[in-house]
């Protein structure tokens, strides 16, 4: 089995359509979607809010 990892820079509030198009364009089976949670402000550091700046998408080809 071969796997490929894609990095998708995303703004979760604006790029939902882009994520949908990207997932539909993949040839293989999506195994996992791993969000990278950035903690850049005090509210994010203390867990009040979160910001996802990119996704790692693993697919089996």
Protein backbone atom coordinates (compact mmCIF):
# COMPACT_ATOMS: atom_id res chain seq x y z
CA UNK A 1 0.00 0.00 0.00
CA UNK A 2 1.17 3.50 -0.79
CA UNK A 3 0.12 6.56 1.15
CA UNK A 4 0.39 10.22 0.27
CA UNK A 5 0.24 13.13 2.72
CA UNK A 6 -1.12 16.46 1.48
CA UNK A 7 -0.84 19.78 3.30
CA UNK A 8 -3.77 22.12 2.76
CA UNK A 9 -3.48 25.68 4.09
CA UNK A 10 -6.97 26.68 5.10
CA UNK A 11 -9.04 29.31 6.84
CA UNK A 12 -11.84 27.26 8.39
CA UNK A 13 -14.35 30.12 8.21
CA UNK A 14 -13.89 30.87 4.50
CA UNK A 15 -12.41 27.85 2.73
CA UNK A 16 -14.99 25.12 3.32
CA UNK A 17 -15.80 24.96 -0.39
CA UNK A 18 -12.09 24.66 -1.24
CA UNK A 19 -11.74 21.73 1.20
CA UNK A 20 -14.75 20.01 -0.34
CA UNK A 21 -13.34 20.42 -3.87
CA UNK A 22 -9.92 19.16 -2.77
CA UNK A 23 -11.35 16.05 -1.11
CA UNK A 24 -13.51 15.28 -4.14
CA UNK A 25 -10.48 15.60 -6.45
CA UNK A 26 -8.41 12.97 -4.64
CA UNK A 27 -8.00 9.71 -6.53
CA UNK A 28 -7.45 7.47 -3.50
CA UNK A 29 -9.28 6.77 -0.26
CA UNK A 30 -9.00 9.37 2.50
CA UNK A 31 -7.53 7.70 5.58
CA UNK A 32 -7.18 10.63 7.96
CA UNK A 33 -7.53 14.40 8.24
CA UNK A 34 -5.26 15.91 10.89
CA UNK A 35 -5.79 19.57 11.84
CA UNK A 36 -2.89 21.71 13.04
CA UNK A 37 -4.20 23.88 15.85
CA UNK A 38 -2.22 27.12 16.12
CA UNK A 39 -2.05 28.88 19.45
CA UNK A 40 -1.03 32.43 18.70
CA UNK A 41 -3.11 34.63 21.01
CA UNK A 42 -3.71 34.49 24.76
CA UNK A 43 -7.29 33.30 24.21
CA UNK A 44 -6.00 30.45 22.05
CA UNK A 45 -3.19 29.57 24.45
CA UNK A 46 -5.66 29.26 27.34
CA UNK A 47 -8.08 27.20 25.26
CA UNK A 48 -10.90 29.72 24.92
CA UNK A 49 -10.68 29.81 21.13
CA UNK A 50 -8.81 27.78 18.53
CA UNK A 51 -7.48 28.47 15.06
CA UNK A 52 -6.74 25.75 12.52
CA UNK A 53 -4.16 27.02 10.06
CA UNK A 54 -3.62 23.91 7.95
CA UNK A 55 -4.76 20.32 7.52
CA UNK A 56 -2.72 17.22 6.80
CA UNK A 57 -4.74 14.85 4.65
CA UNK A 58 -3.57 11.24 4.31
CA UNK A 59 -4.90 9.19 1.43
CA UNK A 60 -4.22 5.65 0.25
CA UNK A 61 -3.37 5.45 -3.43
